[in-house]
Amino acid sequence: MLNNLISNAIECVRTGETPLITIILEKRKEHALLSITDNGSGIPEKQQSQIFEPNFTTKSSGTGLGLAMVKRIIDDLNGDLYFTTELGIGTTFYVSIPLLKQKV
């Protein structure tokens, strides 16, 4: 999951620019929140509703399974996967996963 999100973040940075990827892990009440931010080109509005669909890709060599697989893993963990994006600025993917409750 992390490998895919980080690889996507690096690959979306425009040619000639240095990738800047920021990863933050926070504990939020009963969830862990992971954010992965890139300085890529952002996700065009017309593609935003499709990016988690199997076989959707914008890459010439991509299979379109990466983000669909990540979404499935997060769903299986009863978590949530979402993003914010700004064209020309970059994208942040958020992974929210419930924390396991400790036995007392």
PDB file of N, CA and C in Angstrom:
ATOM      1  N   MET A   1       0.832  -1.174   0.000  1.00  0.00           N
ATOM      2  CA  MET A   1       0.000   0.000   0.000  1.00  0.00           C
ATOM      3  C   MET A   1       0.883   1.247   0.000  1.00  0.00           C
ATOM      4  N   LEU A   2       1.802   1.333   0.962  1.00  0.00           N
ATOM      5  CA  LEU A   2       2.666   2.515   1.043  1.00  0.00           C
ATOM      6  C   LEU A   2       3.563   2.635  -0.177  1.00  0.00           C
ATOM      7  N   ASN A   3       4.091   1.510  -0.633  1.00  0.00           N
ATOM      8  CA  ASN A   3       4.949   1.530  -1.813  1.00  0.00           C
ATOM      9  C   ASN A   3       4.213   2.126  -3.000  1.00  0.00           C
ATOM     10  N   ASN A   4       2.976   1.729  -3.200  1.00  0.00           N
ATOM     11  CA  ASN A   4       2.202   2.234  -4.327  1.00  0.00           C
ATOM     12  C   ASN A   4       1.934   3.730  -4.195  1.00  0.00           C
ATOM     13  N   LEU A   5       1.502   4.164  -3.025  1.00  0.00           N
ATOM     14  CA  LEU A   5       1.193   5.586  -2.827  1.00  0.00           C
ATOM     15  C   LEU A   5       2.432   6.461  -2.991  1.00  0.00           C
ATOM     16  N   ILE A   6       3.565   5.998  -2.468  1.00  0.00           N
ATOM     17  CA  ILE A   6       4.803   6.782  -2.579  1.00  0.00           C
ATOM     18  C   ILE A   6       5.312   6.780  -4.020  1.00  0.00           C
ATOM     19  N   SER A   7       5.263   5.621  -4.678  1.00  0.00           N
ATOM     20  CA  SER A   7       5.692   5.549  -6.085  1.00  0.00           C
ATOM     21  C   SER A   7       4.845   6.473  -6.957  1.00  0.00           C
ATOM     22  N   ASN A   8       3.525   6.452  -6.752  1.00  0.00           N
ATOM     23  CA  ASN A   8       2.644   7.338  -7.513  1.00  0.00           C
ATOM     24  C   ASN A   8       2.995   8.800  -7.262  1.00  0.00           C
ATOM     25  N   ALA A   9       3.278   9.136  -6.007  1.00  0.00           N
ATOM     26  CA  ALA A   9       3.617  10.522  -5.665  1.00  0.00           C
ATOM     27  C   ALA A   9       4.883  10.968  -6.393  1.00  0.00           C
ATOM     28  N   ILE A  10       5.868  10.092  -6.443  1.00  0.00           N
ATOM     29  CA  ILE A  10       7.123  10.429  -7.130  1.00  0.00           C
ATOM     30  C   ILE A  10       6.897  10.550  -8.636  1.00  0.00           C
ATOM     31  N   GLU A  11       6.139   9.615  -9.209  1.00  0.00           N
ATOM     32  CA  GLU A  11       5.924   9.587 -10.648  1.00  0.00           C
ATOM     33  C   GLU A  11       5.102  10.761 -11.175  1.00  0.00           C
ATOM     34  N   CYS A  12       4.307  11.382 -10.326  1.00  0.00           N
ATOM     35  CA  CYS A  12       3.447  12.468 -10.822  1.00  0.00           C
ATOM     36  C   CYS A  12       4.163  13.817 -10.857  1.00  0.00           C
ATOM     37  N   VAL A  13       5.381  13.869 -10.355  1.00  0.00           N
ATOM     38  CA  VAL A  13       6.136  15.127 -10.387  1.00  0.00           C
ATOM     39  C   VAL A  13       6.624  15.374 -11.818  1.00  0.00           C
ATOM     40  N   ARG A  14       6.466  16.589 -12.254  1.00  0.00           N
ATOM     41  CA  ARG A  14       6.826  16.954 -13.626  1.00  0.00           C
ATOM     42  C   ARG A  14       8.319  16.729 -13.898  1.00  0.00           C
ATOM     43  N   THR A  15       8.615  16.343 -15.135  1.00  0.00           N
ATOM     44  CA  THR A  15       9.992  16.118 -15.571  1.00  0.00           C
ATOM     45  C   THR A  15      10.821  17.372 -15.326  1.00  0.00           C
ATOM     46  N   GLY A  16      11.998  17.179 -14.770  1.00  0.00           N
ATOM     47  CA  GLY A  16      12.892  18.299 -14.494  1.00  0.00           C
ATOM     48  C   GLY A  16      12.745  18.870 -13.098  1.00  0.00           C
ATOM     49  N   GLU A  17      11.673  18.505 -12.403  1.00  0.00           N
ATOM     50  CA  GLU A  17      11.478  18.981 -11.035  1.00  0.00           C
ATOM     51  C   GLU A  17      11.918  17.903 -10.050  1.00  0.00           C
ATOM     52  N   THR A  18      12.357  18.330  -8.901  1.00  0.00           N
ATOM     53  CA  THR A  18      12.744  17.401  -7.848  1.00  0.00           C
ATOM     54  C   THR A  18      11.509  17.007  -7.052  1.00  0.00           C
ATOM     55  N   PRO A  19      11.249  15.695  -6.935  1.00  0.00           N
ATOM     56  CA  PRO A  19      10.096  15.274  -6.129  1.00  0.00           C
ATOM     57  C   PRO A  19      10.268  15.681  -4.668  1.00  0.00           C
ATOM     58  N   LEU A  20       9.212  16.204  -4.097  1.00  0.00           N
ATOM     59  CA  LEU A  20       9.180  16.520  -2.672  1.00  0.00           C
ATOM     60  C   LEU A  20       7.972  15.793  -2.102  1.00  0.00           C
ATOM     61  N   ILE A  21       8.230  14.740  -1.367  1.00  0.00           N
ATOM     62  CA  ILE A  21       7.179  13.901  -0.811  1.00  0.00           C
ATOM     63  C   ILE A  21       7.212  14.050   0.704  1.00  0.00           C
ATOM     64  N   THR A  22       6.082  14.405   1.288  1.00  0.00           N
ATOM     65  CA  THR A  22       5.972  14.555   2.730  1.00  0.00           C
ATOM     66  C   THR A  22       5.029  13.489   3.253  1.00  0.00           C
ATOM     67  N   ILE A  23       5.501  12.745   4.252  1.00  0.00           N
ATOM     68  CA  ILE A  23       4.697  11.676   4.853  1.00  0.00           C
ATOM     69  C   ILE A  23       4.520  11.995   6.330  1.00  0.00           C
ATOM     70  N   ILE A  24       3.270  12.026   6.761  1.00  0.00           N
ATOM     71  CA  ILE A  24       2.963  12.328   8.166  1.00  0.00           C
ATOM     72  C   ILE A  24       2.038  11.240   8.702  1.00  0.00           C
ATOM     73  N   LEU A  25       2.359  10.739   9.875  1.00  0.00           N
ATOM     74  CA  LEU A  25       1.515   9.762  10.561  1.00  0.00           C
ATOM     75  C   LEU A  25       1.076  10.372  11.883  1.00  0.00           C
ATOM     76  N   GLU A  26      -0.232  10.425  12.095  1.00  0.00           N
ATOM     77  CA  GLU A  26      -0.791  11.016  13.307  1.00  0.00           C
ATOM     78  C   GLU A  26      -1.765  10.045  13.965  1.00  0.00           C
ATOM     79  N   LYS A  27      -1.875  10.132  15.257  1.00  0.00           N
ATOM     80  CA  LYS A  27      -2.911   9.401  15.979  1.00  0.00           C
ATOM     81  C   LYS A  27      -4.058  10.374  16.206  1.00  0.00           C
ATOM     82  N   ARG A  28      -5.239   9.993  15.746  1.00  0.00           N
ATOM     83  CA  ARG A  28      -6.430  10.832  15.891  1.00  0.00           C
ATOM     84  C   ARG A  28      -7.509  10.023  16.587  1.00  0.00           C
ATOM     85  N   LYS A  29      -7.706  10.272  17.849  1.00  0.00           N
ATOM     86  CA  LYS A  29      -8.687   9.538  18.642  1.00  0.00           C
ATOM     87  C   LYS A  29      -8.506   8.041  18.440  1.00  0.00           C
ATOM     88  N   GLU A  30      -9.414   7.412  17.721  1.00  0.00           N
ATOM     89  CA  GLU A  30      -9.343   5.957  17.548  1.00  0.00           C
ATOM     90  C   GLU A  30      -8.869   5.547  16.159  1.00  0.00           C
ATOM     91  N   HIS A  31      -8.207   6.466  15.450  1.00  0.00           N
ATOM     92  CA  HIS A  31      -7.713   6.185  14.106  1.00  0.00           C
ATOM     93  C   HIS A  31      -6.262   6.631  13.959  1.00  0.00           C
ATOM     94  N   ALA A  32      -5.561   5.947  13.082  1.00  0.00           N
ATOM     95  CA  ALA A  32      -4.255   6.416  12.624  1.00  0.00           C
ATOM     96  C   ALA A  32      -4.502   7.116  11.299  1.00  0.00           C
ATOM     97  N   LEU A  33      -3.953   8.298  11.127  1.00  0.00           N
ATOM     98  CA  LEU A  33      -4.119   9.052   9.887  1.00  0.00           C
ATOM     99  C   LEU A  33      -2.754   9.249   9.252  1.00  0.00           C
ATOM    100  N   LEU A  34      -2.604   8.696   8.066  1.00  0.00           N
ATOM    101  CA  LEU A  34      -1.379   8.820   7.296  1.00  0.00           C
ATOM    102  C   LEU A  34      -1.656   9.744   6.126  1.00  0.00           C
ATOM    103  N   SER A  35      -0.800  10.728   5.928  1.00  0.00           N
ATOM    104  CA  SER A  35      -0.942  11.598   4.757  1.00  0.00           C
ATOM    105  C   SER A  35       0.347  11.559   3.952  1.00  0.00           C
ATOM    106  N   ILE A  36       0.184  11.490   2.640  1.00  0.00           N
ATOM    107  CA  ILE A  36       1.317  11.481   1.718  1.00  0.00           C
ATOM    108  C   ILE A  36       1.070  12.606   0.723  1.00  0.00           C
ATOM    109  N   THR A  37       1.921  13.615   0.777  1.00  0.00           N
ATOM    110  CA  THR A  37       1.753  14.815  -0.045  1.00  0.00           C
ATOM    111  C   THR A  37       2.871  14.892  -1.075  1.00  0.00           C
ATOM    112  N   ASP A  38       2.516  15.253  -2.303  1.00  0.00           N
ATOM    113  CA  ASP A  38       3.526  15.414  -3.346  1.00  0.00           C
ATOM    114  C   ASP A  38       3.452  16.813  -3.938  1.00  0.00           C
ATOM    115  N   ASN A  39       4.446  17.140  -4.702  1.00  0.00           N
ATOM    116  CA  ASN A  39       4.487  18.423  -5.409  1.00  0.00           C
ATOM    117  C   ASN A  39       4.283  18.200  -6.908  1.00  0.00           C
ATOM    118  N   GLY A  40       3.409  17.252  -7.232  1.00  0.00           N
ATOM    119  CA  GLY A  40       3.135  16.912  -8.624  1.00  0.00           C
ATOM    120  C   GLY A  40       2.185  17.888  -9.289  1.00  0.00           C
ATOM    121  N   SER A  41       1.649  17.448 -10.391  1.00  0.00           N
ATOM    122  CA  SER A  41       0.811  18.328 -11.204  1.00  0.00           C
ATOM    123  C   SER A  41      -0.640  18.378 -10.749  1.00  0.00           C
ATOM    124  N   GLY A  42      -1.023  17.546  -9.778  1.00  0.00           N
ATOM    125  CA  GLY A  42      -2.409  17.499  -9.319  1.00  0.00           C
ATOM    126  C   GLY A  42      -3.229  16.573 -10.211  1.00  0.00           C
ATOM    127  N   ILE A  43      -4.438  16.265  -9.784  1.00  0.00           N
ATOM    128  CA  ILE A  43      -5.310  15.350 -10.512  1.00  0.00           C
ATOM    129  C   ILE A  43      -6.429  16.169 -11.161  1.00  0.00           C
ATOM    130  N   PRO A  44      -6.519  16.124 -12.484  1.00  0.00           N
ATOM    131  CA  PRO A  44      -7.585  16.877 -13.172  1.00  0.00           C
ATOM    132  C   PRO A  44      -8.968  16.431 -12.686  1.00  0.00           C
ATOM    133  N   GLU A  45      -9.884  17.368 -12.622  1.00  0.00           N
ATOM    134  CA  GLU A  45     -11.227  17.098 -12.105  1.00  0.00           C
ATOM    135  C   GLU A  45     -11.901  15.929 -12.816  1.00  0.00           C
ATOM    136  N   LYS A  46     -11.747  15.832 -14.122  1.00  0.00           N
ATOM    137  CA  LYS A  46     -12.419  14.770 -14.877  1.00  0.00           C
ATOM    138  C   LYS A  46     -11.890  13.377 -14.534  1.00  0.00           C
ATOM    139  N   GLN A  47     -10.708  13.280 -13.917  1.00  0.00           N
ATOM    140  CA  GLN A  47     -10.134  11.987 -13.541  1.00  0.00           C
ATOM    141  C   GLN A  47     -10.374  11.636 -12.077  1.00  0.00           C
ATOM    142  N   GLN A  48     -10.746  12.603 -11.281  1.00  0.00           N
ATOM    143  CA  GLN A  48     -10.833  12.394  -9.834  1.00  0.00           C
ATOM    144  C   GLN A  48     -11.802  11.292  -9.439  1.00  0.00           C
ATOM    145  N   SER A  49     -12.907  11.162 -10.131  1.00  0.00           N
ATOM    146  CA  SER A  49     -13.892  10.143  -9.757  1.00  0.00           C
ATOM    147  C   SER A  49     -13.488   8.745 -10.231  1.00  0.00           C
ATOM    148  N   GLN A  50     -12.438   8.642 -11.034  1.00  0.00           N
ATOM    149  CA  GLN A  50     -12.040   7.369 -11.621  1.00  0.00           C
ATOM    150  C   GLN A  50     -10.782   6.758 -11.009  1.00  0.00           C
ATOM    151  N   ILE A  51     -10.031   7.498 -10.244  1.00  0.00           N
ATOM    152  CA  ILE A  51      -8.691   7.039  -9.887  1.00  0.00           C
ATOM    153  C   ILE A  51      -8.648   5.768  -9.037  1.00  0.00           C
ATOM    154  N   PHE A  52      -9.722   5.434  -8.346  1.00  0.00           N
ATOM    155  CA  PHE A  52      -9.736   4.212  -7.544  1.00  0.00           C
ATOM    156  C   PHE A  52     -10.372   3.038  -8.287  1.00  0.00           C
ATOM    157  N   GLU A  53     -10.764   3.243  -9.533  1.00  0.00           N
ATOM    158  CA  GLU A  53     -11.377   2.179 -10.321  1.00  0.00           C
ATOM    159  C   GLU A  53     -10.307   1.272 -10.915  1.00  0.00           C
ATOM    160  N   PRO A  54     -10.535  -0.059 -10.875  1.00  0.00           N
ATOM    161  CA  PRO A  54      -9.576  -0.983 -11.505  1.00  0.00           C
ATOM    162  C   PRO A  54      -9.418  -0.668 -12.991  1.00  0.00           C
ATOM    163  N   ASN A  55      -8.203  -0.801 -13.473  1.00  0.00           N
ATOM    164  CA  ASN A  55      -7.825  -0.611 -14.880  1.00  0.00           C
ATOM    165  C   ASN A  55      -7.818   0.837 -15.347  1.00  0.00           C
ATOM    166  N   PHE A  56      -8.029   1.803 -14.446  1.00  0.00           N
ATOM    167  CA  PHE A  56      -7.916   3.201 -14.843  1.00  0.00           C
ATOM    168  C   PHE A  56      -6.473   3.644 -14.633  1.00  0.00           C
ATOM    169  N   THR A  57      -5.857   4.166 -15.667  1.00  0.00           N
ATOM    170  CA  THR A  57      -4.492   4.660 -15.558  1.00  0.00           C
ATOM    171  C   THR A  57      -4.292   5.842 -16.490  1.00  0.00           C
ATOM    172  N   THR A  58      -3.366   6.697 -16.119  1.00  0.00           N
ATOM    173  CA  THR A  58      -2.978   7.806 -16.984  1.00  0.00           C
ATOM    174  C   THR A  58      -1.561   7.571 -17.507  1.00  0.00           C
ATOM    175  N   LYS A  59      -0.944   6.459 -17.100  1.00  0.00           N
ATOM    176  CA  LYS A  59       0.429   6.146 -17.499  1.00  0.00           C
ATOM    177  C   LYS A  59       0.423   5.249 -18.727  1.00  0.00           C
ATOM    178  N   SER A  60       1.425   5.413 -19.557  1.00  0.00           N
ATOM    179  CA  SER A  60       1.518   4.573 -20.759  1.00  0.00           C
ATOM    180  C   SER A  60       1.866   3.132 -20.416  1.00  0.00           C
ATOM    181  N   SER A  61       2.540   2.918 -19.300  1.00  0.00           N
ATOM    182  CA  SER A  61       2.936   1.562 -18.919  1.00  0.00           C
ATOM    183  C   SER A  61       2.196   1.057 -17.682  1.00  0.00           C
ATOM    184  N   GLY A  62       1.234   1.803 -17.192  1.00  0.00           N
ATOM    185  CA  GLY A  62       0.530   1.412 -15.977  1.00  0.00           C
ATOM    186  C   GLY A  62      -0.569   0.399 -16.235  1.00  0.00           C
ATOM    187  N   THR A  63      -0.891  -0.378 -15.203  1.00  0.00           N
ATOM    188  CA  THR A  63      -1.978  -1.354 -15.313  1.00  0.00           C
ATOM    189  C   THR A  63      -3.288  -0.812 -14.775  1.00  0.00           C
ATOM    190  N   GLY A  64      -3.208   0.242 -13.978  1.00  0.00           N
ATOM    191  CA  GLY A  64      -4.421   0.797 -13.395  1.00  0.00           C
ATOM    192  C   GLY A  64      -4.926   0.010 -12.201  1.00  0.00           C
ATOM    193  N   LEU A  65      -4.064  -0.813 -11.617  1.00  0.00           N
ATOM    194  CA  LEU A  65      -4.487  -1.626 -10.479  1.00  0.00           C
ATOM    195  C   LEU A  65      -3.979  -1.096  -9.145  1.00  0.00           C
ATOM    196  N   GLY A  66      -2.985  -0.225  -9.168  1.00  0.00           N
ATOM    197  CA  GLY A  66      -2.349   0.242  -7.942  1.00  0.00           C
ATOM    198  C   GLY A  66      -3.289   0.891  -6.943  1.00  0.00           C
ATOM    199  N   LEU A  67      -3.936   1.971  -7.331  1.00  0.00           N
ATOM    200  CA  LEU A  67      -4.817   2.671  -6.397  1.00  0.00           C
ATOM    201  C   LEU A  67      -6.072   1.867  -6.086  1.00  0.00           C
ATOM    202  N   ALA A  68      -6.538   1.068  -7.046  1.00  0.00           N
ATOM    203  CA  ALA A  68      -7.686   0.202  -6.778  1.00  0.00           C
ATOM    204  C   ALA A  68      -7.325  -0.825  -5.704  1.00  0.00           C
ATOM    205  N   MET A  69      -6.114  -1.361  -5.774  1.00  0.00           N
ATOM    206  CA  MET A  69      -5.650  -2.320  -4.781  1.00  0.00           C
ATOM    207  C   MET A  69      -5.479  -1.652  -3.409  1.00  0.00           C
ATOM    208  N   VAL A  70      -4.911  -0.466  -3.404  1.00  0.00           N
ATOM    209  CA  VAL A  70      -4.751   0.276  -2.149  1.00  0.00           C
ATOM    210  C   VAL A  70      -6.123   0.515  -1.511  1.00  0.00           C
ATOM    211  N   LYS A  71      -7.086   0.942  -2.331  1.00  0.00           N
ATOM    212  CA  LYS A  71      -8.448   1.194  -1.817  1.00  0.00           C
ATOM    213  C   LYS A  71      -9.037  -0.077  -1.223  1.00  0.00           C
ATOM    214  N   ARG A  72      -8.854  -1.191  -1.885  1.00  0.00           N
ATOM    215  CA  ARG A  72      -9.387  -2.472  -1.394  1.00  0.00           C
ATOM    216  C   ARG A  72      -8.768  -2.843  -0.048  1.00  0.00           C
ATOM    217  N   ILE A  73      -7.463  -2.678   0.087  1.00  0.00           N
ATOM    218  CA  ILE A  73      -6.770  -2.981   1.346  1.00  0.00           C
ATOM    219  C   ILE A  73      -7.322  -2.115   2.469  1.00  0.00           C
ATOM    220  N   ILE A  74      -7.453  -0.820   2.209  1.00  0.00           N
ATOM    221  CA  ILE A  74      -7.956   0.116   3.223  1.00  0.00           C
ATOM    222  C   ILE A  74      -9.395  -0.227   3.580  1.00  0.00           C
ATOM    223  N   ASP A  75     -10.219  -0.531   2.586  1.00  0.00           N
ATOM    224  CA  ASP A  75     -11.612  -0.926   2.848  1.00  0.00           C
ATOM    225  C   ASP A  75     -11.670  -2.186   3.711  1.00  0.00           C
ATOM    226  N   ASP A  76     -10.793  -3.163   3.421  1.00  0.00           N
ATOM    227  CA  ASP A  76     -10.755  -4.402   4.204  1.00  0.00           C
ATOM    228  C   ASP A  76     -10.374  -4.160   5.661  1.00  0.00           C
ATOM    229  N   LEU A  77      -9.677  -3.074   5.915  1.00  0.00           N
ATOM    230  CA  LEU A  77      -9.282  -2.700   7.286  1.00  0.00           C
ATOM    231  C   LEU A  77     -10.305  -1.769   7.942  1.00  0.00           C
ATOM    232  N   ASN A  78     -11.454  -1.593   7.287  1.00  0.00           N
ATOM    233  CA  ASN A  78     -12.487  -0.660   7.756  1.00  0.00           C
ATOM    234  C   ASN A  78     -11.962   0.764   7.845  1.00  0.00           C
ATOM    235  N   GLY A  79     -11.071   1.093   6.934  1.00  0.00           N
ATOM    236  CA  GLY A  79     -10.495   2.429   6.902  1.00  0.00           C
ATOM    237  C   GLY A  79     -11.088   3.267   5.790  1.00  0.00           C
ATOM    238  N   ASP A  80     -10.448   4.390   5.558  1.00  0.00           N
ATOM    239  CA  ASP A  80     -10.918   5.330   4.553  1.00  0.00           C
ATOM    240  C   ASP A  80      -9.711   5.849   3.777  1.00  0.00           C
ATOM    241  N   LEU A  81      -9.858   5.977   2.472  1.00  0.00           N
ATOM    242  CA  LEU A  81      -8.825   6.516   1.597  1.00  0.00           C
ATOM    243  C   LEU A  81      -9.444   7.669   0.815  1.00  0.00           C
ATOM    244  N   TYR A  82      -8.825   8.834   0.895  1.00  0.00           N
ATOM    245  CA  TYR A  82      -9.341   9.997   0.178  1.00  0.00           C
ATOM    246  C   TYR A  82      -8.185  10.934  -0.149  1.00  0.00           C
ATOM    247  N   PHE A  83      -8.457  11.953  -0.910  1.00  0.00           N
ATOM    248  CA  PHE A  83      -7.385  12.851  -1.325  1.00  0.00           C
ATOM    249  C   PHE A  83      -7.893  14.268  -1.492  1.00  0.00           C
ATOM    250  N   THR A  84      -6.960  15.194  -1.460  1.00  0.00           N
ATOM    251  CA  THR A  84      -7.185  16.571  -1.865  1.00  0.00           C
ATOM    252  C   THR A  84      -6.147  16.858  -2.947  1.00  0.00           C
ATOM    253  N   THR A  85      -6.494  17.681  -3.899  1.00  0.00           N
ATOM    254  CA  THR A  85      -5.566  17.956  -4.993  1.00  0.00           C
ATOM    255  C   THR A  85      -5.753  19.375  -5.497  1.00  0.00           C
ATOM    256  N   GLU A  86      -4.673  19.924  -6.002  1.00  0.00           N
ATOM    257  CA  GLU A  86      -4.715  21.260  -6.586  1.00  0.00           C
ATOM    258  C   GLU A  86      -3.832  21.251  -7.828  1.00  0.00           C
ATOM    259  N   LEU A  87      -4.418  21.534  -8.966  1.00  0.00           N
ATOM    260  CA  LEU A  87      -3.667  21.502 -10.218  1.00  0.00           C
ATOM    261  C   LEU A  87      -2.453  22.425 -10.151  1.00  0.00           C
ATOM    262  N   GLY A  88      -1.325  21.901 -10.577  1.00  0.00           N
ATOM    263  CA  GLY A  88      -0.088  22.678 -10.583  1.00  0.00           C
ATOM    264  C   GLY A  88       0.597  22.767  -9.233  1.00  0.00           C
ATOM    265  N   ILE A  89      -0.042  22.284  -8.185  1.00  0.00           N
ATOM    266  CA  ILE A  89       0.506  22.381  -6.826  1.00  0.00           C
ATOM    267  C   ILE A  89       0.856  21.002  -6.271  1.00  0.00           C
ATOM    268  N   GLY A  90      -0.080  20.054  -6.369  1.00  0.00           N
ATOM    269  CA  GLY A  90       0.177  18.712  -5.861  1.00  0.00           C
ATOM    270  C   GLY A  90      -1.061  18.078  -5.266  1.00  0.00           C
ATOM    271  N   THR A  91      -0.853  16.893  -4.703  1.00  0.00           N
ATOM    272  CA  THR A  91      -1.943  16.087  -4.166  1.00  0.00           C
ATOM    273  C   THR A  91      -1.541  15.508  -2.822  1.00  0.00           C
ATOM    274  N   THR A  92      -2.514  15.372  -1.945  1.00  0.00           N
ATOM    275  CA  THR A  92      -2.312  14.672  -0.682  1.00  0.00           C
ATOM    276  C   THR A  92      -3.308  13.526  -0.606  1.00  0.00           C
ATOM    277  N   PHE A  93      -2.788  12.315  -0.411  1.00  0.00           N
ATOM    278  CA  PHE A  93      -3.630  11.161  -0.153  1.00  0.00           C
ATOM    279  C   PHE A  93      -3.660  10.931   1.342  1.00  0.00           C
ATOM    280  N   TYR A  94      -4.837  10.634   1.866  1.00  0.00           N
ATOM    281  CA  TYR A  94      -5.024  10.373   3.286  1.00  0.00           C
ATOM    282  C   TYR A  94      -5.495   8.938   3.471  1.00  0.00           C
ATOM    283  N   VAL A  95      -4.874   8.250   4.409  1.00  0.00           N
ATOM    284  CA  VAL A  95      -5.273   6.894   4.779  1.00  0.00           C
ATOM    285  C   VAL A  95      -5.639   6.939   6.256  1.00  0.00           C
ATOM    286  N   SER A  96      -6.882   6.633   6.554  1.00  0.00           N
ATOM    287  CA  SER A  96      -7.355   6.607   7.940  1.00  0.00           C
ATOM    288  C   SER A  96      -7.725   5.162   8.276  1.00  0.00           C
ATOM    289  N   ILE A  97      -7.077   4.615   9.310  1.00  0.00           N
ATOM    290  CA  ILE A  97      -7.301   3.222   9.692  1.00  0.00           C
ATOM    291  C   ILE A  97      -7.602   3.186  11.188  1.00  0.00           C
ATOM    292  N   PRO A  98      -8.658   2.432  11.582  1.00  0.00           N
ATOM    293  CA  PRO A  98      -8.970   2.324  13.008  1.00  0.00           C
ATOM    294  C   PRO A  98      -7.816   1.660  13.769  1.00  0.00           C
ATOM    295  N   LEU A  99      -7.536   2.179  14.941  1.00  0.00           N
ATOM    296  CA  LEU A  99      -6.525   1.580  15.808  1.00  0.00           C
ATOM    297  C   LEU A  99      -7.102   0.371  16.528  1.00  0.00           C
ATOM    298  N   LEU A 100      -6.268  -0.599  16.779  1.00  0.00           N
ATOM    299  CA  LEU A 100      -6.714  -1.763  17.552  1.00  0.00           C
ATOM    300  C   LEU A 100      -6.888  -1.347  19.004  1.00  0.00           C
ATOM    301  N   LYS A 101      -7.916  -1.860  19.619  1.00  0.00           N
ATOM    302  CA  LYS A 101      -8.144  -1.548  21.030  1.00  0.00           C
ATOM    303  C   LYS A 101      -7.316  -2.481  21.876  1.00  0.00           C
ATOM    304  N   GLN A 102      -6.614  -1.916  22.853  1.00  0.00           N
ATOM    305  CA  GLN A 102      -5.776  -2.715  23.742  1.00  0.00           C
ATOM    306  C   GLN A 102      -6.620  -3.330  24.837  1.00  0.00           C
ATOM    307  N   LYS A 103      -6.293  -4.571  25.145  1.00  0.00           N
ATOM    308  CA  LYS A 103      -6.977  -5.243  26.241  1.00  0.00           C
ATOM    309  C   LYS A 103      -6.369  -4.762  27.556  1.00  0.00           C
ATOM    310  N   VAL A 104      -7.224  -4.529  28.520  1.00  0.00           N
ATOM    311  CA  VAL A 104      -6.764  -4.022  29.820  1.00  0.00           C
ATOM    312  C   VAL A 104      -6.741  -5.135  30.822  1.00  0.00           C
TER     313      VAL A 104
END
